Amino acid sequence: MGAVFRPKDLGSGNRKVIENAVKDFSPDTKDSVVKLLNSWEGKISANNLKQILGQNEAEELLRNIINDVNLSEDERTRIRNMFKESHI
């Protein structure tokens, strides 16, 4: 089983990273994606994200989360490693 990712893993005050990344989605899609990110389980979650958003949008979402300016380099590395297992 893959690593579980929760917004609190981003550190205090950085939950806005996910909120900013999904702000342009419709309410239903936004809720689904946030739930998925709250319980990230590697490849399974990656496949579900691709089904919800499509390959390109899923890749872009993860890039936006990783590259958020509010993340420290350490937080960015930890999140990049979690998503790396997902092969998106």
N, C-alpha and C. Protein backbone atom coordinates (compact mmCIF):
# COMPACT_ATOMS: atom_id res chain seq x y z
N MET A 1 0.84 -1.17 0.00
CA MET A 1 0.00 0.00 0.00
C MET A 1 0.89 1.23 0.00
N GLY A 2 0.47 2.28 -0.69
CA GLY A 2 1.25 3.49 -0.80
C GLY A 2 1.14 4.38 0.42
N ALA A 3 1.89 5.44 0.40
CA ALA A 3 1.86 6.40 1.50
C ALA A 3 0.54 7.15 1.49
N VAL A 4 0.05 7.44 2.67
CA VAL A 4 -1.19 8.20 2.77
C VAL A 4 -0.83 9.66 2.88
N PHE A 5 -1.47 10.48 2.09
CA PHE A 5 -1.21 11.91 2.04
C PHE A 5 -2.40 12.64 2.62
N ARG A 6 -2.15 13.55 3.52
CA ARG A 6 -3.21 14.37 4.08
C ARG A 6 -2.77 15.82 3.98
N PRO A 7 -3.72 16.75 3.83
CA PRO A 7 -3.32 18.15 3.76
C PRO A 7 -2.49 18.59 4.96
N LYS A 8 -2.71 17.98 6.13
CA LYS A 8 -1.91 18.38 7.29
C LYS A 8 -0.44 18.02 7.11
N ASP A 9 -0.13 17.09 6.17
CA ASP A 9 1.25 16.75 5.88
C ASP A 9 2.00 17.92 5.27
N LEU A 10 1.27 18.89 4.75
CA LEU A 10 1.89 20.05 4.14
C LEU A 10 2.39 21.04 5.19
N GLY A 11 1.99 20.86 6.42
CA GLY A 11 2.41 21.76 7.48
C GLY A 11 1.31 22.74 7.82
N SER A 12 1.44 23.32 8.97
CA SER A 12 0.45 24.26 9.46
C SER A 12 0.33 25.46 8.52
N GLY A 13 -0.89 25.81 8.18
CA GLY A 13 -1.13 26.97 7.34
C GLY A 13 -1.00 26.71 5.86
N ASN A 14 -0.56 25.52 5.48
CA ASN A 14 -0.36 25.23 4.05
C ASN A 14 -1.50 24.42 3.44
N ARG A 15 -2.59 24.24 4.16
CA ARG A 15 -3.73 23.55 3.58
C ARG A 15 -4.31 24.33 2.42
N LYS A 16 -3.99 25.59 2.37
CA LYS A 16 -4.43 26.45 1.26
C LYS A 16 -3.85 25.96 -0.07
N VAL A 17 -2.77 25.22 -0.01
CA VAL A 17 -2.13 24.70 -1.22
C VAL A 17 -3.15 23.88 -2.01
N ILE A 18 -3.82 22.96 -1.33
CA ILE A 18 -4.81 22.13 -2.00
C ILE A 18 -6.01 22.96 -2.42
N GLU A 19 -6.46 23.83 -1.53
CA GLU A 19 -7.60 24.67 -1.87
C GLU A 19 -7.31 25.50 -3.11
N ASN A 20 -6.12 26.05 -3.21
CA ASN A 20 -5.74 26.84 -4.39
C ASN A 20 -5.64 25.97 -5.64
N ALA A 21 -5.16 24.76 -5.47
CA ALA A 21 -4.98 23.87 -6.62
C ALA A 21 -6.30 23.43 -7.22
N VAL A 22 -7.36 23.34 -6.40
CA VAL A 22 -8.65 22.84 -6.90
C VAL A 22 -9.70 23.95 -7.03
N LYS A 23 -9.31 25.19 -6.87
CA LYS A 23 -10.28 26.29 -6.82
C LYS A 23 -11.10 26.45 -8.10
N ASP A 24 -10.58 26.05 -9.23
CA ASP A 24 -11.30 26.25 -10.50
C ASP A 24 -12.19 25.07 -10.88
N PHE A 25 -12.21 24.03 -10.07
CA PHE A 25 -13.04 22.86 -10.37
C PHE A 25 -14.48 23.12 -9.96
N SER A 26 -15.39 22.38 -10.56
CA SER A 26 -16.80 22.46 -10.15
C SER A 26 -16.90 21.93 -8.71
N PRO A 27 -17.95 22.31 -7.99
CA PRO A 27 -18.07 21.88 -6.58
C PRO A 27 -18.00 20.36 -6.39
N ASP A 28 -18.68 19.60 -7.23
CA ASP A 28 -18.65 18.14 -7.09
C ASP A 28 -17.25 17.59 -7.34
N THR A 29 -16.62 18.07 -8.39
CA THR A 29 -15.27 17.62 -8.72
C THR A 29 -14.30 18.03 -7.62
N LYS A 30 -14.44 19.25 -7.14
CA LYS A 30 -13.57 19.75 -6.08
C LYS A 30 -13.68 18.86 -4.84
N ASP A 31 -14.90 18.53 -4.44
CA ASP A 31 -15.09 17.68 -3.26
C ASP A 31 -14.46 16.31 -3.46
N SER A 32 -14.67 15.73 -4.65
CA SER A 32 -14.11 14.40 -4.94
C SER A 32 -12.58 14.42 -4.89
N VAL A 33 -11.99 15.44 -5.48
CA VAL A 33 -10.53 15.54 -5.53
C VAL A 33 -9.96 15.77 -4.14
N VAL A 34 -10.57 16.63 -3.36
CA VAL A 34 -10.08 16.90 -2.01
C VAL A 34 -10.17 15.64 -1.16
N LYS A 35 -11.27 14.90 -1.26
CA LYS A 35 -11.39 13.64 -0.52
C LYS A 35 -10.29 12.67 -0.94
N LEU A 36 -10.05 12.60 -2.22
CA LEU A 36 -9.01 11.71 -2.73
C LEU A 36 -7.63 12.11 -2.21
N LEU A 37 -7.33 13.40 -2.23
CA LEU A 37 -6.05 13.87 -1.73
C LEU A 37 -5.91 13.67 -0.23
N ASN A 38 -7.02 13.75 0.49
CA ASN A 38 -7.00 13.55 1.94
C ASN A 38 -6.69 12.11 2.32
N SER A 39 -6.92 11.19 1.41
CA SER A 39 -6.68 9.77 1.71
C SER A 39 -5.79 9.14 0.63
N TRP A 40 -4.78 9.85 0.20
CA TRP A 40 -3.91 9.42 -0.89
C TRP A 40 -3.28 8.08 -0.59
N GLU A 41 -3.42 7.14 -1.55
CA GLU A 41 -2.87 5.80 -1.38
C GLU A 41 -2.11 5.35 -2.62
N GLY A 42 -1.27 6.20 -3.12
CA GLY A 42 -0.39 5.85 -4.22
C GLY A 42 -1.11 5.59 -5.53
N LYS A 43 -0.80 4.44 -6.15
CA LYS A 43 -1.30 4.13 -7.49
C LYS A 43 -2.83 4.08 -7.57
N ILE A 44 -3.46 3.55 -6.54
CA ILE A 44 -4.93 3.47 -6.55
C ILE A 44 -5.52 4.87 -6.63
N SER A 45 -5.03 5.77 -5.80
CA SER A 45 -5.53 7.14 -5.81
C SER A 45 -5.18 7.85 -7.11
N ALA A 46 -4.00 7.57 -7.64
CA ALA A 46 -3.59 8.18 -8.90
C ALA A 46 -4.53 7.76 -10.02
N ASN A 47 -4.88 6.49 -10.06
CA ASN A 47 -5.82 6.02 -11.09
C ASN A 47 -7.19 6.66 -10.92
N ASN A 48 -7.65 6.79 -9.68
CA ASN A 48 -8.93 7.44 -9.44
C ASN A 48 -8.89 8.91 -9.85
N LEU A 49 -7.77 9.59 -9.58
CA LEU A 49 -7.62 10.98 -9.96
C LEU A 49 -7.66 11.13 -11.48
N LYS A 50 -7.01 10.21 -12.18
CA LYS A 50 -7.03 10.23 -13.65
C LYS A 50 -8.44 10.02 -14.18
N GLN A 51 -9.22 9.17 -13.52
CA GLN A 51 -10.60 8.94 -13.95
C GLN A 51 -11.45 10.18 -13.73
N ILE A 52 -11.21 10.88 -12.65
CA ILE A 52 -11.99 12.07 -12.35
C ILE A 52 -11.61 13.23 -13.27
N LEU A 53 -10.31 13.47 -13.42
CA LEU A 53 -9.82 14.65 -14.12
C LEU A 53 -9.28 14.40 -15.52
N GLY A 54 -8.87 13.20 -15.81
CA GLY A 54 -8.15 12.92 -17.04
C GLY A 54 -6.65 13.03 -16.77
N GLN A 55 -5.86 12.40 -17.61
CA GLN A 55 -4.40 12.32 -17.42
C GLN A 55 -3.76 13.69 -17.31
N ASN A 56 -4.03 14.57 -18.28
CA ASN A 56 -3.36 15.88 -18.30
C ASN A 56 -3.72 16.74 -17.11
N GLU A 57 -5.00 16.79 -16.76
CA GLU A 57 -5.44 17.60 -15.62
C GLU A 57 -4.87 17.04 -14.32
N ALA A 58 -4.81 15.72 -14.19
CA ALA A 58 -4.26 15.10 -12.98
C ALA A 58 -2.78 15.47 -12.83
N GLU A 59 -2.04 15.38 -13.90
CA GLU A 59 -0.62 15.75 -13.87
C GLU A 59 -0.46 17.22 -13.50
N GLU A 60 -1.28 18.07 -14.09
CA GLU A 60 -1.19 19.50 -13.82
C GLU A 60 -1.52 19.81 -12.36
N LEU A 61 -2.55 19.15 -11.82
CA LEU A 61 -2.92 19.36 -10.43
C LEU A 61 -1.77 19.00 -9.50
N LEU A 62 -1.15 17.85 -9.71
CA LEU A 62 -0.04 17.44 -8.86
C LEU A 62 1.15 18.37 -9.00
N ARG A 63 1.42 18.84 -10.21
CA ARG A 63 2.50 19.82 -10.42
C ARG A 63 2.20 21.10 -9.66
N ASN A 64 0.93 21.55 -9.70
CA ASN A 64 0.56 22.78 -9.00
C ASN A 64 0.75 22.64 -7.49
N ILE A 65 0.41 21.48 -6.97
CA ILE A 65 0.57 21.25 -5.53
C ILE A 65 2.06 21.24 -5.17
N ILE A 66 2.86 20.53 -5.94
CA ILE A 66 4.29 20.43 -5.66
C ILE A 66 4.99 21.78 -5.80
N ASN A 67 4.58 22.57 -6.78
CA ASN A 67 5.28 23.83 -7.06
C ASN A 67 4.69 25.03 -6.35
N ASP A 68 3.76 24.83 -5.44
CA ASP A 68 3.15 25.95 -4.72
C ASP A 68 4.24 26.73 -3.99
N VAL A 69 4.18 28.05 -4.11
CA VAL A 69 5.22 28.91 -3.53
C VAL A 69 5.22 28.90 -2.01
N ASN A 70 4.14 28.45 -1.39
CA ASN A 70 4.05 28.45 0.07
C ASN A 70 4.72 27.24 0.72
N LEU A 71 5.20 26.31 -0.07
CA LEU A 71 5.83 25.11 0.47
C LEU A 71 7.32 25.34 0.67
N SER A 72 7.84 24.80 1.76
CA SER A 72 9.28 24.81 1.96
C SER A 72 9.88 23.73 1.06
N GLU A 73 11.16 23.76 0.88
CA GLU A 73 11.81 22.76 0.03
C GLU A 73 11.64 21.36 0.61
N ASP A 74 11.68 21.25 1.92
CA ASP A 74 11.49 19.95 2.58
C ASP A 74 10.07 19.42 2.33
N GLU A 75 9.06 20.28 2.47
CA GLU A 75 7.67 19.87 2.21
C GLU A 75 7.50 19.47 0.75
N ARG A 76 8.11 20.24 -0.13
CA ARG A 76 8.01 19.96 -1.57
C ARG A 76 8.62 18.59 -1.89
N THR A 77 9.76 18.28 -1.27
CA THR A 77 10.42 16.99 -1.50
C THR A 77 9.58 15.84 -0.98
N ARG A 78 9.01 15.99 0.22
CA ARG A 78 8.17 14.93 0.79
C ARG A 78 6.95 14.67 -0.10
N ILE A 79 6.32 15.71 -0.56
CA ILE A 79 5.13 15.54 -1.39
C ILE A 79 5.51 14.96 -2.75
N ARG A 80 6.61 15.43 -3.32
CA ARG A 80 7.08 14.89 -4.60
C ARG A 80 7.33 13.39 -4.47
N ASN A 81 7.92 12.96 -3.36
CA ASN A 81 8.19 11.54 -3.14
C ASN A 81 6.90 10.75 -2.98
N MET A 82 5.91 11.30 -2.31
CA MET A 82 4.63 10.60 -2.16
C MET A 82 3.96 10.40 -3.52
N PHE A 83 3.98 11.45 -4.33
CA PHE A 83 3.32 11.37 -5.63
C PHE A 83 4.14 10.56 -6.62
N LYS A 84 5.47 10.46 -6.41
CA LYS A 84 6.34 9.71 -7.32
C LYS A 84 5.90 8.24 -7.38
N GLU A 85 5.48 7.69 -6.25
CA GLU A 85 5.03 6.30 -6.20
C GLU A 85 3.78 6.09 -7.05
N SER A 86 3.08 7.16 -7.38
CA SER A 86 1.82 7.06 -8.10
C SER A 86 2.00 6.94 -9.61
N HIS A 87 3.17 7.28 -10.09
CA HIS A 87 3.48 7.18 -11.53
C HIS A 87 2.56 8.04 -12.39
N ILE A 88 2.24 9.21 -11.92
CA ILE A 88 1.46 10.15 -12.76
C ILE A 88 2.44 11.06 -13.44
